[in-house]
């Protein structure tokens, strides 16, 4: 006997055998039992989930002598659909013209030779042309009492609304991984093939909810590995990455071992895998770790107990922040992968970002190795002698968020280096710092303390209260350092700024203004709007005034007041209109105009 693939050999012969579509099969059986069978059905859903199978089962059972009894005892399973003249199957993908639909309509006119109904199954109905749909409308709406239409499609949105309104719609779902595994185990037992649960899990996951795809992959692996399907055989034949790669990658990320992570991706690429495949697998691995951290979501891990225990152990050593950061970066790397010119470098940069996501800045390269365990302080910039020195202190975190973080890491979890040390922006507080204090701060940052085990960066409640009090003192001292605004200092800063300006126009405008200090505010009076706009463009002047008085919110107001500038009188201009007026104006400017007129024999226009 010729070999038959599992997808055909084990096609369901009863509604109860259809995997993962109980909501459809139960509705159809109830409709048959209650004599409420529609004349047109539309089965929608992804590939390989049982649409055509359910259409054939419905076509068989309605032509049984007693359909109700056949459903109850399952006798319709023995009926052969291939030799029935009452069942017509049409592939709309290759028969999508108006002529094909007209031929089908002609067949509808003939009553069934045996049985009660004549069933027309149109597969891939969305491939019909617009004209074919229109030719089919009338027959589909009012068919003969013995005609039943079953349409199947994977793309419901391509079907005309007029067709949808004439059919009963049944939405087929993707089959769950657990249901596919159960079906594969049953088929393997019938075929005498030994299987591993993890291997079937990979096959079911690769099938993406399609039972037909899962059976095709199953046949392929079974042919390659004789009588035993193992996880290694599945990984080798499907050219997918093993779970161990992602467990190792996560360990490197937790240890901030960039060198080991780069070597791992190099090994993956040498084995023939693409970089985006690794990033997608890493994202799925992080998702599984996220599921493992919560008991309600642990049920979503449909894998063997051994593999599930590995996920549980690693999830205890990784924080939610690290998982979410890795998921975000891996997803962005996958989106940008097609646009990257150097795809390997693109993946390596994404992995390094994930590795050092807990850092505020990327580590520096030292020689050929990356040293992730030490941070260097930024070089101190020279400051002016009159400017106060800046002492950097950490920003106090919200005590409630710190308490939540501490409670999340309960004693049963194993602390590791992967815990994210969230660093808030460092404020600058004006406070003189002695050389001894600066040196002690640098030594505390650059010199790592030798410890036997990693230390969590979680302060106690008492230390938080002390830091809050210290911050309040610093803020109050910063406020006390503000200088009182006085006209003498304003004039000094103003004149120093004007002396450094090269533009004569700008310096002239700045020298003509009137400056006053009222209630701690600087009021500037100018004679015109042009002068006001010119001064408003001098942003550095505003900055110098605020820095001098150490007040970032110092108010500087400019008003146009012509009354305070009596010496600046606008010159009145008289418009010259008539020729005589123009002549008088030119003569006043130059008395030789009369001589020019006489020599040229000119006449004045009237």
Protein backbone atom coordinates (compact mmCIF):
# COMPACT_ATOMS: atom_id res chain seq x y z
CA UNK A 1 0.00 0.00 0.00
CA UNK A 2 1.27 3.46 -0.91
CA UNK A 3 2.45 5.76 1.87
CA UNK A 4 -0.13 8.27 3.07
CA UNK A 5 0.91 11.33 5.03
CA UNK A 6 -0.45 11.70 8.54
CA UNK A 7 -2.53 14.76 7.64
CA UNK A 8 -4.62 12.55 5.29
CA UNK A 9 -4.31 9.29 7.11
CA UNK A 10 -5.55 10.67 10.41
CA UNK A 11 -8.09 13.19 9.08
CA UNK A 12 -10.99 13.27 11.59
CA UNK A 13 -13.94 11.08 10.68
CA UNK A 14 -16.17 12.33 13.51
CA UNK A 15 -16.97 15.76 14.83
CA UNK A 16 -15.52 14.65 18.17
CA UNK A 17 -12.15 14.01 16.52
CA UNK A 18 -11.74 17.62 15.32
CA UNK A 19 -9.05 19.15 17.53
CA UNK A 20 -9.56 22.53 19.18
CA UNK A 21 -12.84 23.52 17.45
CA UNK A 22 -15.43 22.36 19.96
CA UNK A 23 -17.32 25.66 19.69
CA UNK A 24 -17.98 24.95 16.00
CA UNK A 25 -18.65 21.21 16.07
CA UNK A 26 -21.05 21.44 19.04
CA UNK A 27 -23.06 24.19 17.30
CA UNK A 28 -23.34 22.19 14.09
CA UNK A 29 -24.42 19.03 15.92
CA UNK A 30 -27.06 20.92 17.89
CA UNK A 31 -28.39 22.48 14.68
CA UNK A 32 -28.75 19.01 13.15
CA UNK A 33 -30.40 17.55 16.23
CA UNK A 34 -32.90 20.45 16.43
CA UNK A 35 -33.65 20.54 12.66
CA UNK A 36 -32.31 24.10 12.35
CA UNK A 37 -29.83 23.58 9.56
CA UNK A 38 -29.02 26.69 7.47
CA UNK A 39 -28.71 26.62 3.69
CA UNK A 40 -25.33 28.46 3.55
CA UNK A 41 -22.28 28.27 5.83
CA UNK A 42 -19.06 30.24 5.80
CA UNK A 43 -16.09 28.70 7.65
CA UNK A 44 -13.37 31.29 8.38
CA UNK A 45 -10.01 30.75 10.03
CA UNK A 46 -6.27 30.21 9.53
CA UNK A 47 -4.83 27.34 7.53
CA UNK A 48 -4.86 23.77 8.78
CA UNK A 49 -7.39 24.15 11.60
CA UNK A 50 -10.19 21.93 10.23
CA UNK A 51 -12.42 24.06 7.98
CA UNK A 52 -12.55 21.65 5.05
CA UNK A 53 -12.72 18.68 7.40
CA UNK A 54 -15.81 20.05 9.17
CA UNK A 55 -17.39 20.84 5.79
CA UNK A 56 -16.93 17.21 4.68
CA UNK A 57 -18.26 15.85 7.96
CA UNK A 58 -21.36 18.03 7.69
CA UNK A 59 -21.85 16.94 4.08
CA UNK A 60 -21.66 13.26 5.09
CA UNK A 61 -23.96 13.38 8.11
CA UNK A 62 -26.85 15.29 6.50
CA UNK A 63 -27.20 12.63 3.77
CA UNK A 64 -27.43 9.75 6.22
CA UNK A 65 -30.83 8.02 6.37
CA UNK A 66 -31.24 9.24 9.96
CA UNK A 67 -28.85 12.13 10.65
CA UNK A 68 -29.81 12.43 14.32
CA UNK A 69 -29.13 8.78 15.00
CA UNK A 70 -25.92 8.96 12.96
CA UNK A 71 -24.64 11.79 15.14
CA UNK A 72 -25.42 9.90 18.32
CA UNK A 73 -23.83 6.59 17.31
CA UNK A 74 -21.15 7.97 14.96
CA UNK A 75 -22.14 5.77 12.04
CA UNK A 76 -21.54 8.57 9.55
CA UNK A 77 -17.80 8.00 9.96
CA UNK A 78 -18.05 4.96 7.66
CA UNK A 79 -19.58 6.97 4.82
CA UNK A 80 -17.22 7.62 1.90
CA UNK A 81 -17.45 11.17 0.65
CA UNK A 82 -15.27 10.55 -2.40
CA UNK A 83 -17.83 8.36 -4.18
CA UNK A 84 -20.91 10.42 -3.29
CA UNK A 85 -22.54 12.17 -6.22
CA UNK A 86 -24.44 14.48 -3.88
CA UNK A 87 -21.29 16.28 -2.74
CA UNK A 88 -19.54 18.68 -5.12
CA UNK A 89 -16.20 20.27 -4.16
CA UNK A 90 -14.93 23.31 -6.02
CA UNK A 91 -11.50 24.87 -5.58
CA UNK A 92 -12.11 28.57 -6.08
CA UNK A 93 -8.39 29.26 -6.30
CA UNK A 94 -8.26 27.62 -9.75
CA UNK A 95 -11.93 27.95 -10.72
CA UNK A 96 -12.65 31.59 -9.99
CA UNK A 97 -14.26 32.84 -13.19
CA UNK A 98 -17.88 33.59 -13.98
CA UNK A 99 -18.10 30.52 -16.25
CA UNK A 100 -17.16 28.22 -13.35
CA UNK A 101 -19.86 29.70 -11.13
CA UNK A 102 -22.42 29.40 -13.92
CA UNK A 103 -21.52 25.72 -14.31
CA UNK A 104 -22.03 25.26 -10.56
CA UNK A 105 -25.38 27.03 -10.74
CA UNK A 106 -26.44 24.63 -13.53
CA UNK A 107 -25.60 21.69 -11.25
CA UNK A 108 -27.78 23.17 -8.52
CA UNK A 109 -30.82 22.72 -10.76
CA UNK A 110 -30.55 18.93 -10.56
CA UNK A 111 -31.93 17.22 -7.46
CA UNK A 112 -29.81 14.69 -5.51
CA UNK A 113 -29.89 11.11 -6.81
CA UNK A 114 -29.66 9.65 -3.30
CA UNK A 115 -30.32 11.22 0.06
CA UNK A 116 -32.03 14.46 0.93
CA UNK A 117 -29.45 17.18 0.19
CA UNK A 118 -26.98 18.17 -2.46
CA UNK A 119 -23.95 19.84 -0.85
CA UNK A 120 -21.58 22.27 -2.61
CA UNK A 121 -18.24 22.86 -0.86
CA UNK A 122 -16.33 25.86 -2.24
CA UNK A 123 -12.84 26.07 -0.80
CA UNK A 124 -10.75 29.29 -0.84
CA UNK A 125 -13.89 31.20 -1.78
CA UNK A 126 -12.14 34.57 -1.36
CA UNK A 127 -10.31 33.86 -4.66
CA UNK A 128 -13.51 34.30 -6.69
CA UNK A 129 -13.58 37.33 -8.95
CA UNK A 130 -15.95 40.25 -8.45
CA UNK A 131 -18.11 39.12 -11.35
CA UNK A 132 -18.22 35.55 -10.05
CA UNK A 133 -19.39 36.76 -6.63
CA UNK A 134 -22.15 38.83 -8.23
CA UNK A 135 -23.27 35.89 -10.38
CA UNK A 136 -23.44 33.71 -7.26
CA UNK A 137 -25.50 36.09 -5.13
CA UNK A 138 -29.02 35.16 -6.22
CA UNK A 139 -28.48 31.42 -6.02
CA UNK A 140 -26.83 31.73 -2.61
CA UNK A 141 -29.70 33.79 -1.24
CA UNK A 142 -32.57 31.64 -2.49
CA UNK A 143 -31.30 28.14 -3.34
CA UNK A 144 -33.55 25.11 -3.88
CA UNK A 145 -34.62 23.38 -0.62
CA UNK A 146 -32.28 20.47 -1.31
CA UNK A 147 -29.13 22.60 -1.89
CA UNK A 148 -26.65 23.50 0.87
CA UNK A 149 -23.54 25.65 0.32
CA UNK A 150 -20.45 25.44 2.54
CA UNK A 151 -17.86 28.10 1.83
CA UNK A 152 -14.37 28.04 3.37
CA UNK A 153 -11.80 30.82 3.42
CA UNK A 154 -8.66 31.98 5.20
CA UNK A 155 -9.22 35.66 4.36
CA UNK A 156 -12.66 36.74 5.40
CA UNK A 157 -12.02 40.43 4.73
CA UNK A 158 -11.77 39.76 0.98
CA UNK A 159 -15.35 38.46 0.73
CA UNK A 160 -18.13 40.82 -0.29
CA UNK A 161 -20.48 41.95 2.50
CA UNK A 162 -23.42 40.75 0.39
CA UNK A 163 -22.00 37.21 0.54
CA UNK A 164 -21.34 37.44 4.28
CA UNK A 165 -24.90 38.52 4.99
CA UNK A 166 -26.30 35.42 3.25
CA UNK A 167 -24.26 32.87 5.25
CA UNK A 168 -23.94 31.60 8.80
CA UNK A 169 -20.42 32.48 9.91
CA UNK A 170 -18.23 30.11 11.93
CA UNK A 171 -14.85 31.37 13.09
CA UNK A 172 -12.22 28.65 13.50
CA UNK A 173 -9.46 29.34 16.04
CA UNK A 174 -5.80 28.52 16.08
CA UNK A 175 -5.25 25.20 17.83
CA UNK A 176 -3.59 25.42 21.23
CA UNK A 177 -0.12 23.95 21.68
CA UNK A 178 -1.37 21.58 24.36
CA UNK A 179 -4.07 20.18 22.04
CA UNK A 180 -1.54 19.67 19.24
CA UNK A 181 0.82 17.83 21.61
CA UNK A 182 -1.96 15.50 22.74
CA UNK A 183 -2.90 14.71 19.14
CA UNK A 184 0.75 14.09 18.17
CA UNK A 185 1.23 11.77 21.13
CA UNK A 186 -1.83 9.77 20.10
CA UNK A 187 -0.62 9.47 16.50
CA UNK A 188 2.90 8.54 17.65
CA UNK A 189 1.46 5.78 19.82
CA UNK A 190 -0.47 4.38 16.85
CA UNK A 191 2.62 4.53 14.63
CA UNK A 192 4.87 2.99 17.31
CA UNK A 193 7.15 6.04 17.48
CA UNK A 194 8.82 7.01 20.74
CA UNK A 195 8.72 10.75 21.42
CA UNK A 196 10.00 13.30 23.90
CA UNK A 197 7.58 15.87 25.27
CA UNK A 198 9.95 18.76 24.63
CA UNK A 199 10.37 17.64 21.03
CA UNK A 200 6.60 17.64 20.47
CA UNK A 201 6.41 21.04 22.15
CA UNK A 202 8.86 22.48 19.63
CA UNK A 203 6.92 20.92 16.74
CA UNK A 204 3.62 22.31 18.05
CA UNK A 205 5.13 25.75 18.54
CA UNK A 206 6.62 25.71 15.05
CA UNK A 207 3.21 24.77 13.57
CA UNK A 208 1.76 28.12 14.73
CA UNK A 209 -1.67 26.74 15.59
CA UNK A 210 -2.13 24.64 12.41
CA UNK A 211 -2.68 20.91 12.93
CA UNK A 212 -1.85 20.10 9.32
CA UNK A 213 1.52 21.87 9.62
CA UNK A 214 2.24 20.02 12.86
CA UNK A 215 1.54 16.65 11.21
CA UNK A 216 3.73 17.54 8.23
CA UNK A 217 6.62 18.43 10.53
CA UNK A 218 5.97 15.27 12.54
CA UNK A 219 6.24 13.11 9.40
CA UNK A 220 9.47 14.83 8.41
CA UNK A 221 11.13 14.31 11.79
CA UNK A 222 9.86 10.74 12.03
CA UNK A 223 11.42 9.93 8.65
CA UNK A 224 14.75 11.44 9.66
CA UNK A 225 15.01 9.92 13.17
CA UNK A 226 13.62 6.43 12.53
CA UNK A 227 11.50 5.26 15.46
CA UNK A 228 12.33 7.96 18.04
CA UNK A 229 11.73 11.69 17.96
CA UNK A 230 14.03 13.56 20.33
CA UNK A 231 14.52 17.22 21.02
CA UNK A 232 17.95 17.15 19.41
CA UNK A 233 16.58 15.58 16.22
CA UNK A 234 13.88 18.24 16.01
CA UNK A 235 16.42 21.03 16.54
CA UNK A 236 18.75 19.61 13.90
CA UNK A 237 16.11 18.99 11.25
CA UNK A 238 14.13 22.19 11.71
CA UNK A 239 17.29 24.30 11.96
CA UNK A 240 16.12 26.07 15.11
CA UNK A 241 18.08 27.22 18.11
CA UNK A 242 18.20 25.05 21.19
CA UNK A 243 16.87 26.32 24.52
CA UNK A 244 20.37 26.11 25.98
CA UNK A 245 21.58 29.00 23.81
CA UNK A 246 19.09 31.36 25.41
CA UNK A 247 19.72 30.10 28.93
CA UNK A 248 23.44 30.77 28.38
CA UNK A 249 22.73 34.19 26.86
CA UNK A 250 20.60 35.15 29.87
CA UNK A 251 23.38 34.06 32.24
CA UNK A 252 25.85 36.27 30.35
CA UNK A 253 23.42 39.19 30.58
CA UNK A 254 22.98 38.73 34.33
CA UNK A 255 26.75 38.63 34.81
CA UNK A 256 27.29 41.56 32.40
CA UNK A 257 29.74 39.29 30.57
CA UNK A 258 29.86 41.08 27.23
CA UNK A 259 32.78 38.99 25.98
CA UNK A 260 30.94 35.73 26.61
CA UNK A 261 27.79 37.11 24.98
CA UNK A 262 29.68 38.12 21.83
CA UNK A 263 31.34 34.70 21.65
CA UNK A 264 27.92 33.06 22.00
CA UNK A 265 26.39 35.02 19.12
CA UNK A 266 29.49 34.25 17.06
CA UNK A 267 28.90 30.53 17.65
CA UNK A 268 25.24 30.92 16.66
CA UNK A 269 26.12 32.69 13.41
CA UNK A 270 28.80 30.10 12.56
CA UNK A 271 26.19 27.36 12.93
CA UNK A 272 24.24 28.94 10.07
CA UNK A 273 21.53 30.80 11.98
CA UNK A 274 20.47 34.36 11.20
CA UNK A 275 20.80 37.15 13.73
CA UNK A 276 17.08 37.96 13.75
CA UNK A 277 16.32 34.31 14.54
CA UNK A 278 18.46 34.57 17.65
CA UNK A 279 16.86 37.86 18.72
CA UNK A 280 13.35 36.45 18.26
CA UNK A 281 14.30 33.37 20.25
CA UNK A 282 15.78 35.53 23.01
CA UNK A 283 12.56 37.56 23.15
CA UNK A 284 10.51 34.38 23.51
CA UNK A 285 12.88 33.16 26.21
CA UNK A 286 12.42 36.41 28.15
CA UNK A 287 8.68 36.09 27.77
CA UNK A 288 8.81 32.59 29.26
CA UNK A 289 10.89 33.93 32.15
CA UNK A 290 8.25 36.59 32.72
CA UNK A 291 5.54 33.91 32.79
CA UNK A 292 7.62 31.89 35.25
CA UNK A 293 7.80 34.69 37.82
CA UNK A 294 4.05 34.66 38.56
CA UNK A 295 2.14 31.60 39.64
CA UNK A 296 -1.03 32.39 37.61
CA UNK A 297 0.99 32.71 34.37
CA UNK A 298 3.10 29.61 35.02
CA UNK A 299 0.22 27.56 33.60
CA UNK A 300 0.94 29.11 30.20
CA UNK A 301 4.28 27.28 30.02
CA UNK A 302 3.33 24.15 28.12
CA UNK A 303 6.60 22.24 28.36
CA UNK A 304 8.18 19.38 30.23
CA UNK A 305 8.73 19.59 33.99
CA UNK A 306 12.51 19.53 33.56
CA UNK A 307 12.50 22.50 31.20
CA UNK A 308 9.92 24.32 33.31
CA UNK A 309 12.14 23.93 36.40
CA UNK A 310 15.03 25.53 34.50
CA UNK A 311 12.84 28.50 33.68
CA UNK A 312 11.69 28.76 37.30
CA UNK A 313 15.24 28.78 38.61
CA UNK A 314 16.44 31.42 36.16
CA UNK A 315 13.36 33.58 36.68
CA UNK A 316 14.23 33.85 40.38
CA UNK A 317 17.58 35.39 39.44
CA UNK A 318 16.27 38.03 37.04
CA UNK A 319 14.16 41.10 37.73
CA UNK A 320 11.09 42.31 35.88
CA UNK A 321 13.00 45.43 34.85
CA UNK A 322 15.70 43.40 33.11
CA UNK A 323 13.08 41.26 31.35
CA UNK A 324 11.08 44.23 30.09
CA UNK A 325 14.23 46.04 28.93
CA UNK A 326 15.41 42.94 27.07
CA UNK A 327 11.99 42.46 25.44
CA UNK A 328 11.89 46.09 24.33
CA UNK A 329 15.41 46.10 22.89
CA UNK A 330 14.98 42.70 21.21
CA UNK A 331 11.72 43.81 19.60
CA UNK A 332 13.29 47.04 18.34
CA UNK A 333 16.28 45.12 16.98
CA UNK A 334 13.93 42.79 15.11
CA UNK A 335 12.06 45.75 13.56
CA UNK A 336 15.27 47.47 12.47
CA UNK A 337 17.03 44.29 11.29
CA UNK A 338 15.91 44.46 7.61
CA UNK A 339 17.20 48.05 7.33
CA UNK A 340 20.63 47.34 8.86
CA UNK A 341 23.56 47.22 6.41
CA UNK A 342 25.86 45.31 8.78
CA UNK A 343 23.36 42.89 10.30
CA UNK A 344 25.88 41.16 12.55
CA UNK A 345 26.97 44.47 14.07
CA UNK A 346 23.32 45.42 14.49
CA UNK A 347 22.63 42.28 16.53
CA UNK A 348 25.82 42.65 18.57
CA UNK A 349 25.00 46.25 19.49
CA UNK A 350 21.48 45.21 20.53
CA UNK A 351 22.89 42.44 22.76
CA UNK A 352 25.39 44.82 24.36
CA UNK A 353 22.57 47.26 25.12
CA UNK A 354 20.65 44.45 26.82
CA UNK A 355 23.77 43.35 28.68
CA UNK A 356 24.46 46.80 30.11
CA UNK A 357 20.86 47.98 30.39
CA UNK A 358 21.29 48.51 34.13
CA UNK A 359 24.12 50.95 33.54
CA UNK A 360 23.61 54.66 33.07
CA UNK A 361 26.49 54.77 30.60
CA UNK A 362 28.13 52.15 28.45
CA UNK A 363 31.43 50.70 29.77
CA UNK A 364 34.73 51.67 28.19
CA UNK A 365 36.87 49.24 26.22
CA UNK A 366 40.10 48.29 27.93
CA UNK A 367 42.42 46.40 25.65
CA UNK A 368 40.49 43.54 24.08
CA UNK A 369 38.22 42.79 27.03
CA UNK A 370 35.26 44.73 28.34
CA UNK A 371 35.47 45.40 32.08
CA UNK A 372 31.89 45.68 33.28
CA UNK A 373 32.54 45.71 37.01
CA UNK A 374 33.96 49.23 37.49
CA UNK A 375 32.61 52.67 36.75
CA UNK A 376 34.80 55.71 36.15
CA UNK A 377 33.96 59.17 37.29
CA UNK A 378 33.68 61.86 34.66
CA UNK A 379 36.62 64.29 34.49
CA UNK A 380 36.24 67.45 36.56
CA UNK A 381 35.87 70.53 34.39
CA UNK A 382 37.72 73.73 35.40
CA UNK A 383 35.45 76.38 36.82
CA UNK A 384 35.77 80.09 37.38
CA UNK A 385 37.24 81.18 40.69
CA UNK A 386 34.13 83.09 41.70
CA UNK A 387 31.75 80.23 40.83
CA UNK A 388 30.83 77.78 43.62
CA UNK A 389 32.03 74.23 43.33
CA UNK A 390 29.48 71.52 42.68
CA UNK A 391 29.15 68.45 44.89
CA UNK A 392 27.33 65.52 43.27
CA UNK A 393 24.99 63.60 45.52
CA UNK A 394 22.51 60.82 44.65
CA UNK A 395 18.86 61.62 44.21
CA UNK A 396 16.61 60.08 46.85
CA UNK A 397 14.30 57.45 45.45
CA UNK A 398 10.68 57.17 46.47
CA UNK A 399 10.64 55.14 49.72
CA UNK A 400 7.51 53.30 48.62
CA UNK A 401 9.11 52.11 45.37
CA UNK A 402 12.23 51.01 47.25
CA UNK A 403 10.09 49.10 49.75
CA UNK A 404 8.28 47.38 46.85
CA UNK A 405 11.61 46.42 45.32
CA UNK A 406 12.85 45.02 48.61
CA UNK A 407 9.66 43.01 49.14
CA UNK A 408 9.83 41.58 45.62
CA UNK A 409 13.26 40.06 46.39
CA UNK A 410 12.20 37.68 49.17
CA UNK A 411 14.76 35.51 51.00
CA UNK A 412 13.97 32.41 48.93
CA UNK A 413 15.30 34.08 45.78
CA UNK A 414 18.98 33.99 45.01
CA UNK A 415 20.44 37.49 44.62
CA UNK A 416 22.63 37.90 41.59
CA UNK A 417 24.28 40.69 39.65
CA UNK A 418 21.37 41.05 37.31
CA UNK A 419 19.30 43.19 39.66
CA UNK A 420 18.93 46.61 38.09
CA UNK A 421 20.38 49.48 40.06
CA UNK A 422 18.12 52.27 38.89
CA UNK A 423 19.98 55.55 38.91
CA UNK A 424 18.01 58.77 38.98
CA UNK A 425 19.45 62.00 37.58
CA UNK A 426 22.04 63.57 39.89
CA UNK A 427 21.08 67.08 40.98
CA UNK A 428 23.62 69.83 41.35
CA UNK A 429 23.63 71.49 44.76
CA UNK A 430 25.72 74.57 45.34
CA UNK A 431 27.96 73.77 48.27
CA UNK A 432 31.70 74.28 48.64
CA UNK A 433 33.58 71.02 48.63
CA UNK A 434 36.96 70.53 50.23
CA UNK A 435 39.72 68.63 48.41
CA UNK A 436 39.57 65.92 51.07
CA UNK A 437 35.84 65.36 50.51
CA UNK A 438 36.29 65.26 46.71
CA UNK A 439 39.08 62.72 47.01
CA UNK A 440 37.05 60.52 49.33
CA UNK A 441 34.10 60.55 46.90
CA UNK A 442 36.33 59.55 43.98
CA UNK A 443 37.93 56.75 46.00
CA UNK A 444 34.50 55.47 47.03
CA UNK A 445 33.40 55.31 43.38
CA UNK A 446 36.50 53.93 41.71
CA UNK A 447 37.65 51.46 44.37
CA UNK A 448 35.44 48.34 44.47
CA UNK A 449 34.91 46.76 47.85
CA UNK A 450 35.82 43.06 47.90
CA UNK A 451 32.83 41.01 48.95
CA UNK A 452 32.13 37.31 48.91
CA UNK A 453 28.63 37.69 47.52
CA UNK A 454 26.83 40.35 45.46
CA UNK A 455 25.30 43.13 47.51
CA UNK A 456 21.83 44.44 46.74
CA UNK A 457 21.64 48.19 46.20
CA UNK A 458 18.64 48.57 48.54
CA UNK A 459 19.03 51.11 51.37
CA UNK A 460 17.34 50.70 54.72
CA UNK A 461 14.46 52.89 55.86
CA UNK A 462 16.62 54.67 58.44
CA UNK A 463 19.24 55.57 55.84
CA UNK A 464 16.50 56.91 53.58
CA UNK A 465 15.25 59.23 56.31
CA UNK A 466 18.80 60.48 56.92
CA UNK A 467 19.29 61.16 53.23
CA UNK A 468 15.97 63.01 53.04
CA UNK A 469 16.99 65.26 55.92
CA UNK A 470 20.36 65.88 54.31
CA UNK A 471 18.68 66.79 51.03
CA UNK A 472 16.41 69.28 52.81
CA UNK A 473 19.46 70.91 54.40
CA UNK A 474 21.16 71.15 51.02
CA UNK A 475 18.09 72.72 49.40
CA UNK A 476 17.77 75.28 52.20
CA UNK A 477 21.49 76.10 51.93
CA UNK A 478 21.09 76.51 48.21
CA UNK A 479 18.26 78.98 48.74
CA UNK A 480 20.33 80.93 51.27
CA UNK A 481 23.14 81.23 48.71
CA UNK A 482 20.98 83.42 46.47
CA UNK A 483 22.14 87.06 46.29
CA UNK A 484 19.85 89.99 46.75
CA UNK A 485 19.21 91.84 43.53
CA UNK A 486 20.54 95.44 43.61
CA UNK A 487 21.01 98.07 40.94
CA UNK A 488 24.77 98.34 41.49
CA UNK A 489 25.42 94.69 40.61
CA UNK A 490 22.93 94.88 37.74
CA UNK A 491 24.79 97.82 36.22
CA UNK A 492 28.12 96.05 36.70
CA UNK A 493 26.99 92.85 34.95
CA UNK A 494 25.28 94.93 32.24
CA UNK A 495 28.31 97.08 31.49
CA UNK A 496 30.66 94.07 31.48
CA UNK A 497 28.44 92.39 28.92
CA UNK A 498 28.18 95.52 26.74
CA UNK A 499 31.96 95.94 26.72
CA UNK A 500 32.37 92.53 25.13
CA UNK A 501 29.93 93.16 22.24
CA UNK A 502 31.41 93.86 18.80
CA UNK A 503 28.22 95.24 17.23
CA UNK A 504 28.03 99.01 17.58
CA UNK A 505 24.27 99.00 17.03
CA UNK A 506 23.58 96.50 19.81
CA UNK A 507 25.96 98.16 22.25
CA UNK A 508 24.40 101.57 21.49
CA UNK A 509 20.92 100.25 22.25
CA UNK A 510 22.07 98.58 25.48
CA UNK A 511 23.75 101.79 26.63
CA UNK A 512 20.63 103.93 26.15
CA UNK A 513 18.26 101.84 28.30
CA UNK A 514 17.19 102.75 31.86
CA UNK A 515 17.56 99.99 34.46
CA UNK A 516 15.70 99.72 37.77
CA UNK A 517 15.24 97.10 40.53
CA UNK A 518 11.73 96.85 42.02
CA UNK A 519 10.74 94.12 44.50
CA UNK A 520 13.60 91.87 43.43
CA UNK A 521 12.75 92.26 39.73
CA UNK A 522 14.83 93.95 37.07
CA UNK A 523 12.83 96.50 35.06
CA UNK A 524 14.31 97.82 31.81
CA UNK A 525 12.82 100.82 30.00
CA UNK A 526 13.53 101.30 26.27
CA UNK A 527 12.40 104.04 23.84
CA UNK A 528 11.12 101.78 21.03
CA UNK A 529 9.94 98.30 20.12
CA UNK A 530 13.03 97.82 17.99
CA UNK A 531 15.23 98.29 21.03
CA UNK A 532 13.03 95.87 23.02
CA UNK A 533 13.32 93.14 20.38
CA UNK A 534 17.08 93.66 20.16
CA UNK A 535 17.54 93.22 23.91
CA UNK A 536 15.25 90.14 24.03
CA UNK A 537 17.61 88.43 21.58
CA UNK A 538 20.54 88.73 23.99
CA UNK A 539 19.95 85.44 25.85
CA UNK A 540 23.47 85.41 27.25
CA UNK A 541 22.80 88.71 29.04
CA UNK A 542 19.79 87.15 30.79
CA UNK A 543 21.90 84.13 31.76
CA UNK A 544 24.68 86.32 33.16
CA UNK A 545 22.26 88.23 35.36
CA UNK A 546 20.61 85.08 36.72
CA UNK A 547 23.95 83.37 37.34
CA UNK A 548 25.33 86.41 39.15
CA UNK A 549 22.45 86.51 41.61
CA UNK A 550 22.11 82.67 41.66
CA UNK A 551 18.40 82.91 40.78
CA UNK A 552 17.24 80.76 37.88
CA UNK A 553 13.76 82.28 38.10
CA UNK A 554 14.89 85.92 38.24
CA UNK A 555 12.28 88.03 36.45
CA UNK A 556 13.59 90.53 33.86
CA UNK A 557 10.90 92.75 32.34
CA UNK A 558 11.30 95.14 29.39
CA UNK A 559 8.83 98.01 28.82
CA UNK A 560 8.63 100.61 26.04
CA UNK A 561 8.34 104.09 27.66
CA UNK A 562 9.10 107.08 25.38
CA UNK A 563 8.46 109.60 28.16
CA UNK A 564 11.68 108.62 29.92
CA UNK A 565 13.77 109.57 26.86
CA UNK A 566 13.04 113.31 26.17
CA UNK A 567 16.30 113.79 24.28
CA UNK A 568 15.31 111.27 21.64
CA UNK A 569 12.82 113.29 19.53
CA UNK A 570 11.63 111.79 16.36
CA UNK A 571 12.46 114.00 13.37
CA UNK A 572 9.35 115.23 11.65
CA UNK A 573 9.44 114.69 7.92
CA UNK A 574 7.55 116.77 5.37
CA UNK A 575 6.34 114.98 2.32
CA UNK A 576 7.38 116.53 -1.01
CA UNK A 577 4.47 116.18 -3.41
CA UNK A 578 4.26 118.87 -6.20
CA UNK A 579 7.05 119.66 -8.72
CA UNK A 580 7.41 123.17 -7.21
CA UNK A 581 7.94 121.67 -3.76
CA UNK A 582 10.50 119.25 -5.16
CA UNK A 583 12.34 122.17 -6.80
CA UNK A 584 12.39 124.17 -3.61
CA UNK A 585 13.64 121.16 -1.68
CA UNK A 586 16.50 120.55 -4.13
CA UNK A 587 17.39 124.24 -4.18
CA UNK A 588 17.58 124.31 -0.42
CA UNK A 589 19.95 121.37 -0.49
CA UNK A 590 22.11 122.78 -3.32
CA UNK A 591 21.90 126.40 -4.58
CA UNK A 592 23.63 125.48 -7.82
CA UNK A 593 20.43 123.84 -9.07
CA UNK A 594 19.41 127.13 -10.80
CA UNK A 595 22.63 127.24 -12.78
CA UNK A 596 22.12 123.64 -13.88
CA UNK A 597 18.62 124.47 -15.06
CA UNK A 598 19.84 127.46 -17.09
CA UNK A 599 22.68 125.56 -18.81
CA UNK A 600 20.47 122.68 -19.74
CA UNK A 601 17.57 124.93 -20.67
CA UNK A 602 15.17 123.09 -18.47
CA UNK A 603 11.67 124.11 -17.58
CA UNK A 604 9.78 123.40 -14.40
CA UNK A 605 6.67 121.27 -14.84
CA UNK A 606 3.46 122.94 -13.80
